Amino acid sequence: MTEGNSPNLELRSDVREAGGLRAFQFGLSSLFVVVTVAALILSTYFGVGKLVGMSTMEVLTQGFGTEVFNAPIFLVWIVGLMMAIRRLKRNRLPAILTIIVIGGVVLTTFISGVVRMALIHSVISNQISQEAFARNSAFISVLETVIHTVWWILIIVAIFVRRPPDAPQPERSDSVGDPFLPNES
């Protein structure tokens, strides 16, 4: 039986060459990285929280509690990071750019979350006024948006950098032309 129409569950050769389903397999080292990053994030939140005088419950509700809503996108970033690491040998430049960008996005989001946590606590404990909180929050939002825009530009560059050009498609005589182009007759 030929490989192209095999009814069993073997991967086609083009899928195997592209990394196949193994791109989504994560090992013990990947789990270690994820747990280590989570531990660093938690320890930073609690450290900064204690530094500004927050209790454990305040850190959980005002700081880390707001980041729980970012969990789905963090999961996407972690999967993207692991896929980029797995492709370092085959697609070196796009993988390196992807690792830098995802790391930058995670770091930017994390730092802005810690700063917002400290700001929220400062307002609640009457250390700064609500007007100052609004100004600082707006500044952080604008800065975060600008930085995330740069990261997204770099991820688009990473997608298209050093890709082989598309092979020219042979002209078919039985094909219907593009309906939006003028007739060549």
N, C-alpha and C. Protein backbone atom coordinates (compact mmCIF):
# COMPACT_ATOMS: atom_id res chain seq x y z
N MET A 1 0.85 -1.18 0.00
CA MET A 1 0.00 0.00 0.00
C MET A 1 0.89 1.23 0.00
N THR A 2 0.53 2.27 -0.73
CA THR A 2 1.36 3.46 -0.82
C THR A 2 1.21 4.29 0.44
N GLU A 3 2.20 5.13 0.63
CA GLU A 3 2.23 5.94 1.84
C GLU A 3 1.13 7.00 1.85
N GLY A 4 0.78 7.56 0.70
CA GLY A 4 -0.19 8.64 0.62
C GLY A 4 -1.60 8.23 0.96
N ASN A 5 -1.98 6.97 0.68
CA ASN A 5 -3.36 6.57 0.96
C ASN A 5 -3.41 5.42 1.96
N SER A 6 -2.49 5.40 2.88
CA SER A 6 -2.45 4.37 3.91
C SER A 6 -3.55 4.61 4.93
N PRO A 7 -4.36 3.57 5.24
CA PRO A 7 -5.45 3.80 6.19
C PRO A 7 -5.00 3.79 7.65
N ASN A 8 -3.78 3.33 7.93
CA ASN A 8 -3.36 3.31 9.34
C ASN A 8 -3.00 4.71 9.81
N LEU A 9 -2.57 4.83 11.05
CA LEU A 9 -2.37 6.13 11.66
C LEU A 9 -0.95 6.65 11.54
N GLU A 10 -0.15 6.11 10.63
CA GLU A 10 1.21 6.62 10.45
C GLU A 10 1.15 8.01 9.84
N LEU A 11 2.13 8.83 10.22
CA LEU A 11 2.20 10.17 9.67
C LEU A 11 2.78 10.14 8.26
N ARG A 12 2.28 11.00 7.40
CA ARG A 12 2.85 11.11 6.06
C ARG A 12 4.26 11.65 6.18
N SER A 13 5.06 11.44 5.16
CA SER A 13 6.47 11.85 5.23
C SER A 13 6.59 13.36 5.35
N ASP A 14 5.72 14.15 4.70
CA ASP A 14 5.81 15.61 4.80
C ASP A 14 5.47 16.08 6.21
N VAL A 15 4.57 15.38 6.89
CA VAL A 15 4.23 15.72 8.27
C VAL A 15 5.39 15.34 9.19
N ARG A 16 6.00 14.17 8.92
CA ARG A 16 7.14 13.74 9.72
C ARG A 16 8.29 14.72 9.59
N GLU A 17 8.56 15.19 8.38
CA GLU A 17 9.67 16.11 8.15
C GLU A 17 9.43 17.45 8.83
N ALA A 18 8.18 17.87 8.93
CA ALA A 18 7.85 19.15 9.55
C ALA A 18 7.83 19.06 11.07
N GLY A 19 8.08 17.91 11.64
CA GLY A 19 8.10 17.76 13.08
C GLY A 19 6.90 16.99 13.58
N GLY A 20 5.89 16.86 12.73
CA GLY A 20 4.72 16.07 13.07
C GLY A 20 4.07 16.47 14.36
N LEU A 21 3.46 15.52 15.00
CA LEU A 21 2.79 15.77 16.25
C LEU A 21 3.76 15.86 17.42
N ARG A 22 5.01 15.52 17.20
CA ARG A 22 6.00 15.62 18.27
C ARG A 22 6.21 17.06 18.70
N ALA A 23 5.84 18.01 17.89
CA ALA A 23 5.99 19.41 18.26
C ALA A 23 5.17 19.74 19.49
N PHE A 24 4.14 18.96 19.77
CA PHE A 24 3.28 19.22 20.91
C PHE A 24 3.60 18.33 22.10
N GLN A 25 4.65 17.52 22.02
CA GLN A 25 5.03 16.67 23.13
C GLN A 25 6.02 17.43 24.01
N PHE A 26 5.77 17.40 25.29
CA PHE A 26 6.64 18.11 26.22
C PHE A 26 7.21 17.11 27.22
N GLY A 27 8.45 17.28 27.53
CA GLY A 27 9.11 16.35 28.44
C GLY A 27 9.18 16.89 29.85
N LEU A 28 9.93 16.20 30.66
CA LEU A 28 10.11 16.57 32.05
C LEU A 28 10.82 17.92 32.16
N SER A 29 11.74 18.20 31.26
CA SER A 29 12.44 19.48 31.31
C SER A 29 11.49 20.64 31.03
N SER A 30 10.53 20.44 30.13
CA SER A 30 9.54 21.48 29.86
C SER A 30 8.68 21.75 31.09
N LEU A 31 8.28 20.68 31.76
CA LEU A 31 7.50 20.82 32.98
C LEU A 31 8.31 21.55 34.04
N PHE A 32 9.59 21.25 34.14
CA PHE A 32 10.47 21.93 35.09
C PHE A 32 10.53 23.42 34.80
N VAL A 33 10.66 23.78 33.52
CA VAL A 33 10.72 25.20 33.15
C VAL A 33 9.42 25.91 33.53
N VAL A 34 8.29 25.30 33.23
CA VAL A 34 7.00 25.92 33.53
C VAL A 34 6.83 26.11 35.03
N VAL A 35 7.16 25.10 35.82
CA VAL A 35 7.02 25.19 37.28
C VAL A 35 7.99 26.22 37.85
N THR A 36 9.20 26.27 37.32
CA THR A 36 10.19 27.25 37.79
C THR A 36 9.73 28.67 37.49
N VAL A 37 9.22 28.91 36.29
CA VAL A 37 8.72 30.24 35.93
C VAL A 37 7.55 30.63 36.83
N ALA A 38 6.64 29.70 37.07
CA ALA A 38 5.51 29.98 37.96
C ALA A 38 5.99 30.31 39.37
N ALA A 39 6.99 29.58 39.86
CA ALA A 39 7.53 29.85 41.20
C ALA A 39 8.19 31.22 41.25
N LEU A 40 8.92 31.59 40.21
CA LEU A 40 9.55 32.92 40.17
C LEU A 40 8.50 34.03 40.14
N ILE A 41 7.44 33.82 39.38
CA ILE A 41 6.37 34.83 39.31
C ILE A 41 5.71 34.99 40.68
N LEU A 42 5.37 33.88 41.32
CA LEU A 42 4.74 33.96 42.64
C LEU A 42 5.67 34.61 43.67
N SER A 43 6.94 34.22 43.66
CA SER A 43 7.86 34.79 44.65
C SER A 43 8.06 36.28 44.43
N THR A 44 8.07 36.71 43.17
CA THR A 44 8.20 38.14 42.90
C THR A 44 6.97 38.90 43.36
N TYR A 45 5.79 38.36 43.06
CA TYR A 45 4.56 39.01 43.52
C TYR A 45 4.56 39.14 45.04
N PHE A 46 4.86 38.05 45.75
CA PHE A 46 4.86 38.11 47.21
C PHE A 46 5.97 39.00 47.74
N GLY A 47 7.14 39.00 47.09
CA GLY A 47 8.23 39.87 47.52
C GLY A 47 7.89 41.34 47.38
N VAL A 48 7.37 41.72 46.22
CA VAL A 48 6.99 43.12 46.00
C VAL A 48 5.83 43.49 46.92
N GLY A 49 4.88 42.56 47.08
CA GLY A 49 3.75 42.82 47.97
C GLY A 49 4.20 43.08 49.39
N LYS A 50 5.11 42.27 49.89
CA LYS A 50 5.62 42.48 51.26
C LYS A 50 6.43 43.78 51.33
N LEU A 51 7.13 44.12 50.26
CA LEU A 51 7.92 45.34 50.23
C LEU A 51 7.05 46.58 50.38
N VAL A 52 5.86 46.57 49.76
CA VAL A 52 4.97 47.73 49.86
C VAL A 52 3.99 47.60 51.02
N GLY A 53 4.13 46.55 51.84
CA GLY A 53 3.33 46.42 53.05
C GLY A 53 2.01 45.68 52.88
N MET A 54 1.93 44.80 51.90
CA MET A 54 0.69 44.06 51.67
C MET A 54 0.70 42.74 52.44
N SER A 55 -0.48 42.31 52.85
CA SER A 55 -0.60 40.99 53.48
C SER A 55 -0.66 39.93 52.37
N THR A 56 -0.55 38.69 52.77
CA THR A 56 -0.62 37.59 51.80
C THR A 56 -1.95 37.60 51.06
N MET A 57 -3.04 37.83 51.78
CA MET A 57 -4.35 37.85 51.14
C MET A 57 -4.47 39.02 50.16
N GLU A 58 -3.90 40.15 50.49
CA GLU A 58 -3.94 41.30 49.57
C GLU A 58 -3.14 41.01 48.31
N VAL A 59 -2.00 40.34 48.45
CA VAL A 59 -1.21 39.97 47.27
C VAL A 59 -2.02 39.03 46.39
N LEU A 60 -2.69 38.07 47.01
CA LEU A 60 -3.46 37.10 46.24
C LEU A 60 -4.65 37.75 45.54
N THR A 61 -5.33 38.68 46.21
CA THR A 61 -6.53 39.28 45.60
C THR A 61 -6.21 40.44 44.70
N GLN A 62 -5.36 41.36 45.13
CA GLN A 62 -5.08 42.56 44.35
C GLN A 62 -4.01 42.36 43.29
N GLY A 63 -3.13 41.43 43.50
CA GLY A 63 -2.03 41.24 42.57
C GLY A 63 -2.21 40.01 41.71
N PHE A 64 -1.96 38.88 42.32
CA PHE A 64 -1.99 37.64 41.56
C PHE A 64 -3.39 37.30 41.08
N GLY A 65 -4.39 37.69 41.84
CA GLY A 65 -5.78 37.42 41.45
C GLY A 65 -6.16 38.05 40.13
N THR A 66 -5.61 39.22 39.84
CA THR A 66 -5.91 39.86 38.56
C THR A 66 -5.19 39.18 37.40
N GLU A 67 -4.06 38.54 37.68
CA GLU A 67 -3.32 37.86 36.62
C GLU A 67 -3.91 36.50 36.26
N VAL A 68 -4.81 35.99 37.07
CA VAL A 68 -5.46 34.71 36.76
C VAL A 68 -6.19 34.81 35.43
N PHE A 69 -6.70 35.98 35.12
CA PHE A 69 -7.42 36.16 33.86
C PHE A 69 -6.49 36.09 32.65
N ASN A 70 -5.19 36.23 32.87
CA ASN A 70 -4.21 36.11 31.79
C ASN A 70 -3.73 34.67 31.60
N ALA A 71 -4.21 33.74 32.42
CA ALA A 71 -3.74 32.35 32.37
C ALA A 71 -3.88 31.72 30.99
N PRO A 72 -5.01 31.88 30.28
CA PRO A 72 -5.10 31.24 28.95
C PRO A 72 -4.04 31.76 27.97
N ILE A 73 -3.78 33.06 27.97
CA ILE A 73 -2.79 33.59 27.03
C ILE A 73 -1.38 33.20 27.48
N PHE A 74 -1.14 33.10 28.79
CA PHE A 74 0.16 32.60 29.25
C PHE A 74 0.38 31.17 28.78
N LEU A 75 -0.66 30.36 28.79
CA LEU A 75 -0.55 28.99 28.30
C LEU A 75 -0.18 28.97 26.81
N VAL A 76 -0.78 29.84 26.03
CA VAL A 76 -0.44 29.95 24.60
C VAL A 76 1.02 30.36 24.45
N TRP A 77 1.46 31.32 25.24
CA TRP A 77 2.85 31.77 25.15
C TRP A 77 3.81 30.66 25.54
N ILE A 78 3.47 29.87 26.55
CA ILE A 78 4.35 28.77 26.97
C ILE A 78 4.44 27.72 25.88
N VAL A 79 3.31 27.39 25.26
CA VAL A 79 3.32 26.42 24.15
C VAL A 79 4.17 26.96 23.00
N GLY A 80 4.00 28.23 22.66
CA GLY A 80 4.81 28.85 21.60
C GLY A 80 6.29 28.84 21.94
N LEU A 81 6.61 29.11 23.18
CA LEU A 81 8.00 29.10 23.62
C LEU A 81 8.60 27.71 23.51
N MET A 82 7.86 26.70 23.94
CA MET A 82 8.35 25.33 23.86
C MET A 82 8.52 24.88 22.40
N MET A 83 7.59 25.27 21.54
CA MET A 83 7.71 24.92 20.12
C MET A 83 8.92 25.60 19.49
N ALA A 84 9.17 26.85 19.88
CA ALA A 84 10.34 27.56 19.34
C ALA A 84 11.63 26.91 19.81
N ILE A 85 11.66 26.49 21.06
CA ILE A 85 12.86 25.82 21.58
C ILE A 85 13.10 24.51 20.84
N ARG A 86 12.04 23.78 20.55
CA ARG A 86 12.18 22.51 19.83
C ARG A 86 12.65 22.72 18.39
N ARG A 87 12.43 23.88 17.82
CA ARG A 87 12.80 24.14 16.43
C ARG A 87 14.11 24.92 16.29
N LEU A 88 14.85 25.05 17.36
CA LEU A 88 16.09 25.82 17.31
C LEU A 88 17.08 25.28 16.29
N LYS A 89 17.16 23.97 16.12
CA LYS A 89 18.13 23.39 15.19
C LYS A 89 17.71 23.56 13.74
N ARG A 90 16.41 23.44 13.46
CA ARG A 90 15.94 23.50 12.08
C ARG A 90 15.74 24.92 11.58
N ASN A 91 15.11 25.76 12.36
CA ASN A 91 14.80 27.14 11.96
C ASN A 91 15.38 28.08 12.99
N ARG A 92 16.67 28.22 12.99
CA ARG A 92 17.37 28.92 14.06
C ARG A 92 16.92 30.38 14.24
N LEU A 93 16.97 31.19 13.20
CA LEU A 93 16.65 32.62 13.35
C LEU A 93 15.19 32.84 13.74
N PRO A 94 14.21 32.22 13.06
CA PRO A 94 12.83 32.41 13.51
C PRO A 94 12.60 31.92 14.94
N ALA A 95 13.24 30.83 15.32
CA ALA A 95 13.06 30.30 16.68
C ALA A 95 13.65 31.24 17.72
N ILE A 96 14.83 31.78 17.44
CA ILE A 96 15.45 32.71 18.38
C ILE A 96 14.61 33.98 18.52
N LEU A 97 14.14 34.52 17.39
CA LEU A 97 13.28 35.71 17.45
C LEU A 97 12.00 35.41 18.24
N THR A 98 11.42 34.24 18.03
CA THR A 98 10.20 33.88 18.74
C THR A 98 10.46 33.76 20.24
N ILE A 99 11.57 33.16 20.62
CA ILE A 99 11.91 33.03 22.03
C ILE A 99 12.08 34.41 22.67
N ILE A 100 12.79 35.30 21.98
CA ILE A 100 13.00 36.65 22.50
C ILE A 100 11.67 37.39 22.64
N VAL A 101 10.82 37.29 21.62
CA VAL A 101 9.55 38.01 21.64
C VAL A 101 8.62 37.48 22.73
N ILE A 102 8.48 36.17 22.81
CA ILE A 102 7.58 35.60 23.82
C ILE A 102 8.10 35.91 25.22
N GLY A 103 9.41 35.81 25.40
CA GLY A 103 9.99 36.19 26.69
C GLY A 103 9.73 37.65 27.02
N GLY A 104 9.85 38.51 26.02
CA GLY A 104 9.58 39.93 26.22
C GLY A 104 8.13 40.22 26.53
N VAL A 105 7.22 39.53 25.85
CA VAL A 105 5.79 39.72 26.11
C VAL A 105 5.45 39.28 27.52
N VAL A 106 5.94 38.12 27.92
CA VAL A 106 5.68 37.61 29.27
C VAL A 106 6.26 38.57 30.31
N LEU A 107 7.48 39.01 30.09
CA LEU A 107 8.13 39.92 31.04
C LEU A 107 7.39 41.26 31.12
N THR A 108 6.98 41.80 29.98
CA THR A 108 6.23 43.06 29.97
C THR A 108 4.92 42.93 30.72
N THR A 109 4.18 41.87 30.44
CA THR A 109 2.90 41.65 31.11
C THR A 109 3.10 41.45 32.60
N PHE A 110 4.13 40.70 32.96
CA PHE A 110 4.41 40.43 34.37
C PHE A 110 4.79 41.70 35.12
N ILE A 111 5.69 42.50 34.55
CA ILE A 111 6.12 43.73 35.22
C ILE A 111 4.96 44.70 35.37
N SER A 112 4.15 44.85 34.34
CA SER A 112 3.01 45.76 34.45
C SER A 112 2.02 45.26 35.50
N GLY A 113 1.86 43.94 35.63
CA GLY A 113 0.97 43.40 36.66
C GLY A 113 1.48 43.69 38.06
N VAL A 114 2.79 43.56 38.28
CA VAL A 114 3.37 43.85 39.59
C VAL A 114 3.23 45.33 39.91
N VAL A 115 3.49 46.20 38.92
CA VAL A 115 3.36 47.64 39.15
C VAL A 115 1.91 48.01 39.44
N ARG A 116 0.98 47.42 38.70
CA ARG A 116 -0.45 47.70 38.97
C ARG A 116 -0.85 47.22 40.36
N MET A 117 -0.34 46.09 40.80
CA MET A 117 -0.63 45.59 42.14
C MET A 117 -0.18 46.60 43.19
N ALA A 118 1.03 47.11 43.03
CA ALA A 118 1.54 48.10 43.98
C ALA A 118 0.71 49.38 43.94
N LEU A 119 0.27 49.78 42.73
CA LEU A 119 -0.57 50.98 42.62
C LEU A 119 -1.93 50.79 43.29
N ILE A 120 -2.53 49.63 43.07
CA ILE A 120 -3.83 49.36 43.69
C ILE A 120 -3.70 49.41 45.21
N HIS A 121 -2.65 48.81 45.72
CA HIS A 121 -2.45 48.83 47.18
C HIS A 121 -2.21 50.26 47.67
N SER A 122 -1.49 51.05 46.91
CA SER A 122 -1.23 52.44 47.31
C SER A 122 -2.51 53.25 47.40
N VAL A 123 -3.45 53.01 46.50
CA VAL A 123 -4.73 53.73 46.55
C VAL A 123 -5.56 53.25 47.73
N ILE A 124 -5.62 51.93 47.90
CA ILE A 124 -6.44 51.37 48.99
C ILE A 124 -5.91 51.81 50.35
N SER A 125 -4.60 51.91 50.49
CA SER A 125 -4.02 52.31 51.77
C SER A 125 -3.84 53.83 51.88
N ASN A 126 -4.43 54.58 50.96
CA ASN A 126 -4.41 56.05 50.95
C ASN A 126 -3.00 56.64 50.89
N GLN A 127 -2.09 55.95 50.22
CA GLN A 127 -0.75 56.50 50.03
C GLN A 127 -0.70 57.44 48.83
N ILE A 128 -1.56 57.21 47.84
CA ILE A 128 -1.67 58.12 46.69
C ILE A 128 -3.16 58.38 46.44
N SER A 129 -3.43 59.47 45.75
CA SER A 129 -4.83 59.83 45.47
C SER A 129 -5.35 59.02 44.29
N GLN A 130 -6.65 59.05 44.12
CA GLN A 130 -7.25 58.35 42.99
C GLN A 130 -6.85 59.00 41.67
N GLU A 131 -6.65 60.30 41.68
CA GLU A 131 -6.21 61.00 40.46
C GLU A 131 -4.81 60.55 40.06
N ALA A 132 -3.93 60.43 41.05
CA ALA A 132 -2.57 59.95 40.76
C ALA A 132 -2.61 58.51 40.27
N PHE A 133 -3.48 57.71 40.87
CA PHE A 133 -3.64 56.32 40.43
C PHE A 133 -4.10 56.28 38.97
N ALA A 134 -5.09 57.11 38.62
CA ALA A 134 -5.60 57.14 37.25
C ALA A 134 -4.52 57.56 36.26
N ARG A 135 -3.74 58.60 36.62
CA ARG A 135 -2.65 59.05 35.75
C ARG A 135 -1.61 57.96 35.56
N ASN A 136 -1.19 57.35 36.67
CA ASN A 136 -0.17 56.30 36.59
C ASN A 136 -0.68 55.07 35.83
N SER A 137 -1.93 54.71 36.04
CA SER A 137 -2.50 53.56 35.33
C SER A 137 -2.57 53.84 33.83
N ALA A 138 -2.96 55.05 33.46
CA ALA A 138 -3.02 55.41 32.05
C ALA A 138 -1.62 55.37 31.43
N PHE A 139 -0.63 55.89 32.14
CA PHE A 139 0.74 55.88 31.64
C PHE A 139 1.22 54.44 31.45
N ILE A 140 0.95 53.58 32.43
CA ILE A 140 1.37 52.17 32.34
C ILE A 140 0.68 51.50 31.15
N SER A 141 -0.60 51.78 30.96
CA SER A 141 -1.34 51.17 29.85
C SER A 141 -0.78 51.59 28.50
N VAL A 142 -0.49 52.89 28.35
CA VAL A 142 0.07 53.38 27.08
C VAL A 142 1.45 52.77 26.84
N LEU A 143 2.28 52.76 27.87
CA LEU A 143 3.62 52.19 27.74
C LEU A 143 3.55 50.70 27.40
N GLU A 144 2.67 49.98 28.08
CA GLU A 144 2.51 48.55 27.81
C GLU A 144 2.02 48.31 26.38
N THR A 145 1.12 49.14 25.91
CA THR A 145 0.61 49.00 24.53
C THR A 145 1.72 49.24 23.51
N VAL A 146 2.53 50.26 23.73
CA VAL A 146 3.64 50.55 22.81
C VAL A 146 4.64 49.38 22.79
N ILE A 147 4.98 48.88 23.97
CA ILE A 147 5.94 47.77 24.04
C ILE A 147 5.36 46.52 23.40
N HIS A 148 4.08 46.22 23.66
CA HIS A 148 3.45 45.05 23.04
C HIS A 148 3.37 45.21 21.52
N THR A 149 3.20 46.43 21.02
CA THR A 149 3.19 46.66 19.58
C THR A 149 4.54 46.30 18.97
N VAL A 150 5.61 46.68 19.64
CA VAL A 150 6.95 46.33 19.17
C VAL A 150 7.12 44.81 19.17
N TRP A 151 6.66 44.15 20.24
CA TRP A 151 6.77 42.70 20.30
C TRP A 151 6.00 42.04 19.15
N TRP A 152 4.80 42.54 18.85
CA TRP A 152 4.01 41.95 17.76
C TRP A 152 4.66 42.18 16.40
N ILE A 153 5.29 43.32 16.21
CA ILE A 153 6.02 43.55 14.95
C ILE A 153 7.14 42.52 14.82
N LEU A 154 7.84 42.28 15.92
CA LEU A 154 8.93 41.30 15.89
C LEU A 154 8.42 39.88 15.68
N ILE A 155 7.25 39.53 16.18
CA ILE A 155 6.73 38.18 15.95
C ILE A 155 6.33 38.02 14.49
N ILE A 156 5.83 39.08 13.88
CA ILE A 156 5.53 39.01 12.44
C ILE A 156 6.82 38.85 11.64
N VAL A 157 7.87 39.55 12.04
CA VAL A 157 9.17 39.39 11.38
C VAL A 157 9.65 37.95 11.56
N ALA A 158 9.49 37.40 12.76
CA ALA A 158 9.93 36.02 13.02
C ALA A 158 9.18 35.01 12.16
N ILE A 159 7.93 35.30 11.88
CA ILE A 159 7.14 34.37 11.05
C ILE A 159 7.70 34.31 9.63
N PHE A 160 8.09 35.44 9.09
CA PHE A 160 8.45 35.50 7.68
C PHE A 160 9.94 35.58 7.39
N VAL A 161 10.78 35.63 8.39
CA VAL A 161 12.21 35.77 8.14
C VAL A 161 12.78 34.45 7.61
N ARG A 162 13.63 34.56 6.62
CA ARG A 162 14.36 33.44 6.02
C ARG A 162 13.48 32.25 5.65
N ARG A 163 12.37 32.53 5.08
CA ARG A 163 11.50 31.46 4.58
C ARG A 163 11.83 31.25 3.11
N PRO A 164 11.82 29.99 2.67
CA PRO A 164 12.09 29.77 1.25
C PRO A 164 10.94 30.33 0.42
N PRO A 165 11.27 30.85 -0.76
CA PRO A 165 10.20 31.39 -1.59
C PRO A 165 9.26 30.27 -2.06
N ASP A 166 8.02 30.65 -2.32
CA ASP A 166 7.06 29.68 -2.83
C ASP A 166 7.50 29.21 -4.21
N ALA A 167 7.33 27.93 -4.45
CA ALA A 167 7.65 27.39 -5.77
C ALA A 167 6.60 27.88 -6.76
N PRO A 168 7.03 28.22 -7.97
CA PRO A 168 6.04 28.68 -8.95
C PRO A 168 5.08 27.55 -9.30
N GLN A 169 3.82 27.88 -9.38
CA GLN A 169 2.79 26.90 -9.71
C GLN A 169 2.71 26.76 -11.23
N PRO A 170 2.64 25.53 -11.72
CA PRO A 170 2.52 25.35 -13.18
C PRO A 170 1.16 25.86 -13.65
N GLU A 171 1.16 26.43 -14.81
CA GLU A 171 -0.08 26.96 -15.40
C GLU A 171 -0.93 25.80 -15.89
N ARG A 172 -2.18 25.77 -15.49
CA ARG A 172 -3.09 24.72 -15.93
C ARG A 172 -3.99 25.26 -17.03
N SER A 173 -4.14 24.47 -18.06
CA SER A 173 -4.96 24.94 -19.19
C SER A 173 -6.44 24.83 -18.90
N ASP A 174 -6.85 23.95 -17.98
CA ASP A 174 -8.27 23.78 -17.68
C ASP A 174 -8.73 24.66 -16.52
N SER A 175 -7.87 25.52 -16.04
CA SER A 175 -8.26 26.34 -14.89
C SER A 175 -9.04 27.57 -15.34
N VAL A 176 -9.88 28.02 -14.47
CA VAL A 176 -10.63 29.25 -14.70
C VAL A 176 -9.78 30.36 -14.13
N GLY A 177 -9.64 31.43 -14.85
CA GLY A 177 -8.80 32.54 -14.41
C GLY A 177 -9.38 33.26 -13.21
N ASP A 178 -8.66 34.24 -12.74
CA ASP A 178 -9.11 35.04 -11.61
C ASP A 178 -10.28 35.90 -12.07
N PRO A 179 -11.43 35.77 -11.41
CA PRO A 179 -12.60 36.52 -11.86
C PRO A 179 -12.47 38.03 -11.66
N PHE A 180 -11.50 38.48 -10.88
CA PHE A 180 -11.36 39.90 -10.62
C PHE A 180 -10.35 40.58 -11.54
N LEU A 181 -9.62 39.79 -12.32
CA LEU A 181 -8.67 40.36 -13.27
C LEU A 181 -9.32 40.49 -14.63
N PRO A 182 -8.95 41.50 -15.41
CA PRO A 182 -9.54 41.62 -16.75
C PRO A 182 -9.12 40.46 -17.64
N ASN A 183 -9.97 40.10 -18.57
CA ASN A 183 -9.67 39.01 -19.51
C ASN A 183 -8.45 39.37 -20.34
N GLU A 184 -7.65 38.36 -20.62
CA GLU A 184 -6.43 38.57 -21.40
C GLU A 184 -6.66 38.35 -22.88
N SER A 185 -7.90 38.19 -23.31
CA SER A 185 -8.17 37.93 -24.71
C SER A 185 -8.29 39.16 -25.55
